[in-house]
Amino acid sequence: MVDVWLPYGKTDVCVRVPARNLLGSITPVQKSGVSDPKAEIERAIREPIGSRLLSEIVRPESKVAIVIDNVTYRNLNESMILSVLSELNVAGVRDENVTIIFGYSTHSAVKPEEFTMLLGEEILKRVKVIKHDAKAKDLVYVGTTKSHGNKVFLNRDFAEAGVKILLGEVDLHYYAGYGGGRKSVISGVSGVETIQHNNVMMLNSNAKAGVLEGNPIHEDMTEAARMAKIDFIVNIVKNSKGEIVKAFAGDLKAAFLEAVKLVDEMYKVKVDRRADIVVVSAGGNPADMSLDQAYKAIDNTLDVVKRGGVIILVAECPEGYGNQVFYDWMMRLTDLKSTEKEIKRNFAMGGHKAYYLLKVLQNHPVILVSSLPDYYASNVFKLKTARAVNDALTEAFKMAGSASRVWTMPLGNCTLPEYKAPE
């Protein structure tokens, strides 16, 4: 037997796999975080990629809008924003001419009372901080994307700023390929109509994690960001521990693509065998707080599990299923075809998880090891359940055969294995 430890909530559980069955454990490349994140961000700003220095882009009278999208750690927020403010001040831009905009996110919308917790008092005292409302009545239309006919409506404060800066994180993303860069425009500061038009294209086969070429969502996001006239970006790449490995700043496209290279180097893993069974952990807390969040780990197994193969998801889910739309769609829409129709007719964040899960279940039984009550796991989300990971593996061997080969993935939330047949 080979013991493999898998993160589960704030602890770990051990799965025991017979040595003759185990193909191995798929893990990301571990890179150390920098000792001084703020110094690294300042370095990136001083050494922009494909761009002039930020201090050369702005003028003392410039009105500056800074979008911060999906960065939820206060120390990183402060480091990024204070570094940018320092550079702006050096160029003569006064704090009162700077507006920080929290990007729109239906699953983690920032409340005004959370501003201090996420930014710190110094930033709130120095500059104006607002939250983007994707349903606002005063959005500004800046044109329609030629590639996919998307009418682009933007936050007014953002659209009317003389200099536009995007802050964020580049990581793997379900259907945009990667987060960060252009994604801070759609969905960060766009209107609901614009976001929905873009996200419906998730039905395209090229709209998946780690793919940019031919990905219509990425293409549409990129064109919208160009139309928005982005002047400068600052993006970070983190390791699996949440530490900054490197910062990238400068041109919208050039800096983003350099960050993508590092993400690929760390999180894409080539394998030459597909397994009959994949045992995947969602990565523990906070990645497995809910089924909605933990699903990403299932998605990341799909290239390395055989058709009909069994997926075992290890995720505590102390907050239950998470997104209410995910639950509602799974209750109301019983098959993939009706879910596709609903996405085209009335896309809603959370509904996409129902589509993905139903698509997986067409080809794979999924066994969930969690604290989620069986009623929800089985009746609503159509998953098989087990209370312990070794019970789940025993059941998987019964389903797939005692000679089944097994991959384990301890950090399924951030690991993207890619199958390549041996030559």
Protein backbone atom coordinates (compact mmCIF):
# COMPACT_ATOMS: atom_id res chain seq x y z
CA MET A 1 0.00 0.00 0.00
CA VAL A 2 1.05 3.57 -0.71
CA ASP A 3 -0.23 6.30 1.59
CA VAL A 4 -1.14 9.61 -0.08
CA TRP A 5 -2.17 12.54 2.10
CA LEU A 6 -4.87 14.82 0.74
CA PRO A 7 -5.89 18.26 2.10
CA TYR A 8 -9.39 18.22 3.58
CA GLY A 9 -10.64 21.40 5.23
CA LYS A 10 -7.96 22.51 7.68
CA THR A 11 -6.48 19.04 8.01
CA ASP A 12 -5.45 16.11 5.79
CA VAL A 13 -6.85 12.65 5.12
CA CYS A 14 -4.90 9.63 3.97
CA VAL A 15 -5.89 7.45 1.02
CA ARG A 16 -4.20 4.05 0.85
CA VAL A 17 -3.71 2.85 -2.72
CA PRO A 18 -2.31 -0.60 -3.60
CA ALA A 19 1.13 -0.05 -5.13
CA ARG A 20 0.26 -2.13 -8.19
CA ASN A 21 -2.67 0.21 -8.97
CA LEU A 22 -1.04 3.57 -8.34
CA LEU A 23 0.18 5.52 -11.37
CA GLY A 24 1.46 8.31 -9.14
CA SER A 25 0.56 11.66 -7.67
CA ILE A 26 0.09 14.70 -9.91
CA THR A 27 1.29 17.87 -8.22
CA PRO A 28 2.22 21.39 -9.35
CA VAL A 29 5.78 22.64 -9.52
CA GLN A 30 6.48 24.32 -6.20
CA LYS A 31 8.17 27.71 -6.40
CA SER A 32 9.08 29.77 -3.36
CA GLY A 33 7.25 32.98 -2.61
CA VAL A 34 9.25 36.22 -2.52
CA SER A 35 10.39 37.42 0.90
CA ASP A 36 9.08 40.96 0.34
CA PRO A 37 5.89 41.08 -1.81
CA LYS A 38 5.75 44.89 -1.89
CA ALA A 39 9.35 45.13 -3.09
CA GLU A 40 8.57 42.61 -5.85
CA ILE A 41 5.53 44.61 -6.98
CA GLU A 42 7.59 47.82 -6.97
CA ARG A 43 10.27 46.07 -9.05
CA ALA A 44 7.67 45.03 -11.62
CA ILE A 45 6.30 48.58 -11.85
CA ARG A 46 9.82 49.95 -12.36
CA GLU A 47 10.52 47.32 -15.04
CA PRO A 48 7.34 47.33 -17.16
CA ILE A 49 6.90 44.79 -19.94
CA GLY A 50 6.07 46.24 -23.36
CA SER A 51 5.21 49.64 -21.91
CA ARG A 52 6.56 53.00 -20.85
CA LEU A 53 6.96 53.62 -17.13
CA LEU A 54 3.70 54.42 -15.39
CA SER A 55 5.21 57.74 -14.27
CA GLU A 56 5.70 58.58 -17.97
CA ILE A 57 2.14 57.61 -18.93
CA VAL A 58 0.36 59.87 -16.44
CA ARG A 59 0.40 63.64 -16.12
CA PRO A 60 -0.02 65.62 -12.87
CA GLU A 61 -3.60 66.53 -13.84
CA SER A 62 -4.59 62.94 -14.82
CA LYS A 63 -7.78 61.40 -13.45
CA VAL A 64 -6.82 57.79 -12.68
CA ALA A 65 -9.07 54.74 -12.22
CA ILE A 66 -7.60 51.60 -10.65
CA VAL A 67 -9.60 48.36 -10.89
CA ILE A 68 -8.93 45.70 -8.31
CA ASP A 69 -10.49 42.38 -9.24
CA ASN A 70 -10.81 39.26 -7.08
CA VAL A 71 -7.78 39.90 -4.89
CA THR A 72 -9.15 39.16 -1.42
CA TYR A 73 -6.04 39.34 0.74
CA ARG A 74 -5.55 42.70 2.46
CA ASN A 75 -1.76 42.54 2.50
CA LEU A 76 -1.66 41.97 -1.26
CA ASN A 77 -4.25 44.67 -1.91
CA GLU A 78 -2.29 47.18 0.16
CA SER A 79 1.02 46.24 -1.44
CA MET A 80 -0.32 46.58 -4.98
CA ILE A 81 -2.30 49.77 -4.44
CA LEU A 82 0.29 51.59 -2.31
CA SER A 83 3.00 50.74 -4.85
CA VAL A 84 0.91 52.17 -7.68
CA LEU A 85 -0.06 55.25 -5.65
CA SER A 86 3.59 55.90 -4.88
CA GLU A 87 4.46 55.84 -8.58
CA LEU A 88 1.54 58.13 -9.40
CA ASN A 89 2.55 60.58 -6.67
CA VAL A 90 6.11 60.69 -8.02
CA ALA A 91 4.63 61.79 -11.35
CA GLY A 92 2.67 64.54 -9.60
CA VAL A 93 -0.78 62.89 -9.54
CA ARG A 94 -2.69 63.88 -6.39
CA ASP A 95 -4.54 61.25 -4.36
CA GLU A 96 -7.85 63.09 -4.79
CA ASN A 97 -7.63 62.40 -8.53
CA VAL A 98 -7.46 58.62 -8.01
CA THR A 99 -10.48 56.28 -7.79
CA ILE A 100 -10.22 52.62 -6.83
CA ILE A 101 -12.98 50.41 -8.20
CA PHE A 102 -13.73 46.97 -6.79
CA GLY A 103 -14.53 44.75 -9.77
CA TYR A 104 -17.93 43.09 -10.06
CA SER A 105 -18.27 39.50 -8.88
CA THR A 106 -21.65 37.89 -8.27
CA HIS A 107 -20.23 35.15 -6.06
CA SER A 108 -18.07 37.36 -3.86
CA ALA A 109 -19.40 40.91 -4.15
CA VAL A 110 -17.54 43.30 -1.86
CA LYS A 111 -19.74 45.22 0.58
CA PRO A 112 -18.81 48.85 1.46
CA GLU A 113 -18.35 47.85 5.11
CA GLU A 114 -15.64 45.42 3.96
CA PHE A 115 -13.50 48.11 2.32
CA THR A 116 -11.43 48.71 5.45
CA MET A 117 -10.85 44.99 5.97
CA LEU A 118 -9.71 44.53 2.37
CA LEU A 119 -7.74 47.75 1.86
CA GLY A 120 -6.75 49.16 5.23
CA GLU A 121 -7.50 52.60 6.64
CA GLU A 122 -4.61 54.43 4.97
CA ILE A 123 -5.87 53.77 1.45
CA LEU A 124 -9.47 54.67 2.37
CA LYS A 125 -8.29 57.99 3.82
CA ARG A 126 -6.22 58.84 0.78
CA VAL A 127 -8.36 57.96 -2.25
CA LYS A 128 -11.97 57.47 -3.34
CA VAL A 129 -13.07 53.81 -3.25
CA ILE A 130 -16.22 52.50 -4.94
CA LYS A 131 -17.77 49.16 -5.84
CA HIS A 132 -18.80 48.56 -9.44
CA ASP A 133 -22.49 47.89 -10.00
CA ALA A 134 -22.97 45.83 -13.16
CA LYS A 135 -26.68 46.78 -13.17
CA ALA A 136 -26.12 50.53 -12.88
CA LYS A 137 -28.23 52.80 -15.10
CA ASP A 138 -25.37 55.11 -16.08
CA LEU A 139 -22.99 52.63 -17.73
CA VAL A 140 -21.07 53.97 -20.73
CA TYR A 141 -21.28 52.23 -24.12
CA VAL A 142 -17.85 52.16 -25.79
CA GLY A 143 -18.61 50.00 -28.82
CA THR A 144 -19.27 46.45 -30.00
CA THR A 145 -16.57 43.78 -30.29
CA LYS A 146 -15.95 42.83 -33.92
CA SER A 147 -14.98 39.26 -33.08
CA HIS A 148 -18.13 38.29 -31.19
CA GLY A 149 -20.62 41.15 -31.44
CA ASN A 150 -20.61 42.00 -27.75
CA LYS A 151 -21.94 45.46 -26.81
CA VAL A 152 -19.45 46.74 -24.25
CA PHE A 153 -20.91 48.82 -21.41
CA LEU A 154 -18.48 50.05 -18.77
CA ASN A 155 -18.52 51.65 -15.35
CA ARG A 156 -18.80 55.42 -15.82
CA ASP A 157 -16.02 56.38 -13.37
CA PHE A 158 -13.75 53.92 -15.17
CA ALA A 159 -14.73 54.90 -18.71
CA GLU A 160 -14.28 58.63 -18.08
CA ALA A 161 -10.88 58.32 -16.36
CA GLY A 162 -7.89 59.65 -18.26
CA VAL A 163 -5.64 56.76 -17.16
CA LYS A 164 -6.89 53.22 -16.54
CA ILE A 165 -4.94 50.67 -14.49
CA LEU A 166 -5.87 47.03 -13.80
CA LEU A 167 -4.67 45.11 -10.73
CA GLY A 168 -5.21 41.39 -10.32
CA GLU A 169 -3.96 37.84 -10.29
CA VAL A 170 -3.20 35.54 -13.21
CA ASP A 171 -4.29 31.98 -12.54
CA LEU A 172 -6.11 29.18 -14.33
CA HIS A 173 -9.78 29.86 -15.08
CA TYR A 174 -12.53 27.46 -16.17
CA TYR A 175 -13.57 29.06 -19.41
CA ALA A 176 -11.54 32.28 -19.81
CA GLY A 177 -8.39 30.16 -19.90
CA TYR A 178 -6.76 32.36 -17.28
CA GLY A 179 -7.83 35.02 -14.83
CA GLY A 180 -6.14 38.40 -14.69
CA GLY A 181 -5.24 40.96 -17.33
CA ARG A 182 -8.17 41.63 -19.65
CA LYS A 183 -10.61 39.82 -17.36
CA SER A 184 -10.63 42.84 -15.03
CA VAL A 185 -12.68 44.63 -17.72
CA ILE A 186 -15.08 41.75 -18.39
CA SER A 187 -16.36 41.04 -15.81
CA GLY A 188 -14.63 43.55 -13.52
CA VAL A 189 -16.18 46.83 -14.66
CA SER A 190 -18.68 45.77 -17.33
CA GLY A 191 -22.47 45.72 -17.40
CA VAL A 192 -24.54 42.59 -16.90
CA GLU A 193 -25.52 42.45 -20.57
CA THR A 194 -21.85 42.55 -21.60
CA ILE A 195 -20.84 39.92 -19.05
CA GLN A 196 -23.65 37.57 -20.03
CA HIS A 197 -22.91 37.86 -23.76
CA ASN A 198 -19.30 36.97 -23.04
CA ASN A 199 -19.95 34.15 -20.61
CA VAL A 200 -22.48 32.35 -22.81
CA MET A 201 -19.55 31.44 -25.04
CA MET A 202 -18.42 29.01 -22.33
CA LEU A 203 -20.35 26.43 -24.37
CA ASN A 204 -17.57 26.58 -26.98
CA SER A 205 -15.18 23.61 -26.77
CA ASN A 206 -12.14 25.93 -26.71
CA ALA A 207 -13.43 27.84 -23.68
CA LYS A 208 -11.53 25.95 -21.03
CA ALA A 209 -8.76 26.24 -18.47
CA GLY A 210 -5.27 26.88 -19.81
CA VAL A 211 -6.42 27.68 -23.36
CA LEU A 212 -6.14 31.08 -25.04
CA GLU A 213 -5.82 30.24 -28.74
CA GLY A 214 -9.26 29.96 -30.29
CA ASN A 215 -10.95 30.68 -26.95
CA PRO A 216 -13.85 33.03 -27.81
CA ILE A 217 -14.22 34.26 -24.24
CA HIS A 218 -10.57 35.31 -24.09
CA GLU A 219 -10.79 36.91 -27.55
CA ASP A 220 -13.88 38.89 -26.60
CA MET A 221 -12.38 39.96 -23.25
CA THR A 222 -9.19 41.09 -24.95
CA GLU A 223 -11.01 43.15 -27.57
CA ALA A 224 -13.23 44.76 -24.92
CA ALA A 225 -10.16 45.66 -22.85
CA ARG A 226 -8.53 47.27 -25.91
CA MET A 227 -11.71 49.27 -26.52
CA ALA A 228 -11.58 50.39 -22.89
CA LYS A 229 -8.06 51.77 -23.58
CA ILE A 230 -6.17 50.19 -20.69
CA ASP A 231 -2.93 52.04 -19.96
CA PHE A 232 -1.17 49.76 -17.48
CA ILE A 233 -1.65 46.50 -15.56
CA VAL A 234 -0.08 45.03 -12.45
CA ASN A 235 -0.69 41.29 -12.03
CA ILE A 236 0.72 38.74 -9.63
CA VAL A 237 1.22 34.97 -9.80
CA LYS A 238 1.00 33.02 -6.54
CA ASN A 239 2.13 29.55 -5.52
CA SER A 240 -0.19 26.93 -4.01
CA LYS A 241 0.44 28.40 -0.55
CA GLY A 242 -0.91 31.78 -1.64
CA GLU A 243 2.50 33.49 -1.68
CA ILE A 244 3.57 35.85 -4.47
CA VAL A 245 6.11 34.18 -6.73
CA LYS A 246 6.46 37.04 -9.20
CA ALA A 247 4.75 40.28 -10.23
CA PHE A 248 4.24 41.49 -13.80
CA ALA A 249 3.45 45.03 -14.89
CA GLY A 250 3.12 47.03 -18.08
CA ASP A 251 1.24 46.47 -21.33
CA LEU A 252 -2.19 44.79 -21.19
CA LYS A 253 -1.20 41.93 -23.50
CA ALA A 254 2.56 41.61 -23.07
CA ALA A 255 2.64 41.59 -19.26
CA PHE A 256 -0.34 39.24 -19.07
CA LEU A 257 1.23 36.71 -21.45
CA GLU A 258 4.47 36.68 -19.46
CA ALA A 259 2.45 35.88 -16.34
CA VAL A 260 0.65 33.11 -18.24
CA LYS A 261 4.01 31.49 -19.03
CA LEU A 262 4.81 31.27 -15.32
CA VAL A 263 1.37 29.87 -14.49
CA ASP A 264 1.86 27.18 -17.15
CA GLU A 265 5.31 26.35 -15.83
CA MET A 266 3.96 25.91 -12.31
CA TYR A 267 0.51 24.41 -12.72
CA LYS A 268 0.32 22.56 -16.05
CA VAL A 269 1.61 19.00 -15.66
CA LYS A 270 2.19 16.61 -18.59
CA VAL A 271 1.19 12.96 -18.05
CA ASP A 272 1.42 10.04 -20.46
CA ARG A 273 -1.25 7.77 -18.99
CA ARG A 274 -4.96 8.14 -18.31
CA ALA A 275 -6.36 6.54 -15.18
CA ASP A 276 -9.47 4.48 -14.50
CA ILE A 277 -9.82 6.28 -11.17
CA VAL A 278 -8.69 9.76 -10.10
CA VAL A 279 -8.70 10.68 -6.41
CA VAL A 280 -8.63 14.48 -6.26
CA SER A 281 -8.62 16.89 -3.35
CA ALA A 282 -10.00 20.37 -3.87
CA GLY A 283 -6.92 21.61 -1.97
CA GLY A 284 -8.38 22.04 1.51
CA ASN A 285 -9.52 25.25 3.15
CA PRO A 286 -10.44 27.73 1.67
CA ALA A 287 -10.71 26.00 -1.72
CA ASP A 288 -13.12 23.35 -0.40
CA MET A 289 -15.41 25.60 1.64
CA SER A 290 -18.37 24.71 -0.59
CA LEU A 291 -19.23 22.33 -3.40
CA ASP A 292 -19.48 25.32 -5.73
CA GLN A 293 -15.82 26.20 -5.04
CA ALA A 294 -14.59 22.60 -4.90
CA TYR A 295 -15.99 21.71 -8.33
CA LYS A 296 -12.92 23.24 -10.00
CA ALA A 297 -10.91 20.20 -8.89
CA ILE A 298 -13.25 17.88 -10.80
CA ASP A 299 -12.87 19.98 -13.93
CA ASN A 300 -9.09 19.76 -13.71
CA THR A 301 -9.10 15.94 -13.77
CA LEU A 302 -10.94 15.51 -17.04
CA ASP A 303 -7.96 15.15 -19.37
CA VAL A 304 -6.38 12.36 -17.31
CA VAL A 305 -9.35 10.12 -16.49
CA LYS A 306 -10.59 7.59 -19.03
CA ARG A 307 -14.08 7.87 -20.47
CA GLY A 308 -16.32 6.16 -17.93
CA GLY A 309 -13.61 6.40 -15.27
CA VAL A 310 -14.43 7.23 -11.67
CA ILE A 311 -13.63 10.58 -10.06
CA ILE A 312 -13.38 10.77 -6.25
CA LEU A 313 -13.62 14.35 -4.96
CA VAL A 314 -12.29 14.99 -1.46
CA ALA A 315 -13.72 18.30 -0.21
CA GLU A 316 -15.07 19.13 3.25
CA CYS A 317 -17.71 21.67 2.10
CA PRO A 318 -18.45 23.12 5.57
CA GLU A 319 -20.54 25.86 3.90
CA GLY A 320 -22.61 23.32 1.98
CA TYR A 321 -23.24 23.70 -1.71
CA GLY A 322 -22.39 27.42 -1.80
CA ASN A 323 -23.88 29.31 -4.73
CA GLN A 324 -27.70 29.38 -4.69
CA VAL A 325 -28.02 29.56 -8.48
CA PHE A 326 -25.95 26.35 -8.72
CA TYR A 327 -28.46 24.66 -6.41
CA ASP A 328 -31.52 26.12 -8.15
CA TRP A 329 -30.41 25.03 -11.61
CA MET A 330 -29.56 21.52 -10.43
CA MET A 331 -33.03 21.26 -8.87
CA ARG A 332 -34.87 22.72 -11.85
CA LEU A 333 -32.88 21.54 -14.86
CA THR A 334 -32.47 17.79 -15.00
CA ASP A 335 -30.36 17.31 -18.13
CA LEU A 336 -27.54 18.90 -20.08
CA LYS A 337 -29.70 19.98 -23.02
CA SER A 338 -32.09 22.04 -20.90
CA THR A 339 -29.13 23.56 -19.04
CA GLU A 340 -27.52 24.65 -22.32
CA LYS A 341 -30.78 26.31 -23.35
CA GLU A 342 -30.98 28.13 -20.01
CA ILE A 343 -27.39 29.37 -20.38
CA LYS A 344 -28.18 30.82 -23.81
CA ARG A 345 -31.46 32.34 -22.64
CA ASN A 346 -30.67 33.53 -19.13
CA PHE A 347 -27.03 33.07 -18.11
CA ALA A 348 -26.35 33.50 -14.39
CA MET A 349 -23.13 32.97 -12.45
CA GLY A 350 -23.44 29.66 -10.62
CA GLY A 351 -25.56 28.18 -13.37
CA HIS A 352 -22.39 27.42 -15.31
CA LYS A 353 -21.37 25.00 -12.54
CA ALA A 354 -24.62 23.08 -13.07
CA TYR A 355 -23.79 22.81 -16.77
CA TYR A 356 -20.25 21.62 -16.10
CA LEU A 357 -21.28 19.09 -13.47
CA LEU A 358 -24.06 17.60 -15.61
CA LYS A 359 -21.60 17.36 -18.52
CA VAL A 360 -19.10 15.47 -16.33
CA LEU A 361 -21.78 13.11 -15.03
CA GLN A 362 -22.64 12.06 -18.59
CA ASN A 363 -19.27 10.30 -18.78
CA HIS A 364 -18.07 9.76 -15.20
CA PRO A 365 -19.48 8.63 -11.88
CA VAL A 366 -18.35 11.06 -9.17
CA ILE A 367 -18.00 10.02 -5.53
CA LEU A 368 -17.95 12.89 -3.04
CA VAL A 369 -16.17 12.61 0.31
CA SER A 370 -17.41 15.56 2.37
CA SER A 371 -19.57 16.78 5.24
CA LEU A 372 -22.33 17.75 2.82
CA PRO A 373 -25.60 15.97 3.76
CA ASP A 374 -26.45 13.10 1.43
CA TYR A 375 -29.77 14.72 0.52
CA TYR A 376 -27.96 17.53 -1.27
CA ALA A 377 -25.03 15.52 -2.62
CA SER A 378 -27.15 12.67 -4.01
CA ASN A 379 -30.62 14.03 -4.64
CA VAL A 380 -29.75 17.52 -5.86
CA PHE A 381 -26.24 17.26 -7.29
CA LYS A 382 -26.50 13.62 -8.42
CA LEU A 383 -23.24 12.52 -6.81
CA LYS A 384 -22.42 9.26 -5.11
CA THR A 385 -21.16 9.70 -1.55
CA ALA A 386 -18.77 8.15 0.94
CA ARG A 387 -17.88 9.29 4.44
CA ALA A 388 -14.21 8.28 4.17
CA VAL A 389 -11.83 8.45 1.23
CA ASN A 390 -10.79 4.79 1.53
CA ASP A 391 -14.45 3.73 1.44
CA ALA A 392 -14.80 5.77 -1.73
CA LEU A 393 -11.75 4.07 -3.27
CA THR A 394 -13.12 0.62 -2.40
CA GLU A 395 -16.38 1.55 -4.13
CA ALA A 396 -14.50 2.90 -7.14
CA PHE A 397 -12.60 -0.38 -7.53
CA LYS A 398 -15.93 -2.22 -7.51
CA MET A 399 -17.19 0.04 -10.27
CA ALA A 400 -14.04 0.20 -12.43
CA GLY A 401 -12.44 -3.18 -11.63
CA SER A 402 -9.81 -4.36 -9.18
CA ALA A 403 -6.99 -3.85 -11.72
CA SER A 404 -7.86 -0.19 -12.23
CA ARG A 405 -5.01 2.30 -12.38
CA VAL A 406 -5.18 5.33 -10.11
CA TRP A 407 -3.92 8.90 -10.21
CA THR A 408 -4.05 11.06 -7.07
CA MET A 409 -4.17 14.87 -7.16
CA PRO A 410 -3.62 16.49 -3.73
CA LEU A 411 -4.03 20.06 -5.06
CA GLY A 412 -6.74 19.65 -7.65
CA ASN A 413 -7.85 23.25 -7.32
CA CYS A 414 -4.69 24.58 -8.99
CA THR A 415 -3.19 21.60 -10.86
CA LEU A 416 -4.02 21.17 -14.56
CA PRO A 417 -2.72 17.81 -15.82
CA GLU A 418 -2.56 17.42 -19.60
CA TYR A 419 -2.49 14.04 -21.28
CA LYS A 420 0.05 13.47 -24.03
CA ALA A 421 0.39 10.01 -25.53
CA PRO A 422 3.94 8.61 -25.43
CA GLU A 423 5.70 8.75 -28.79
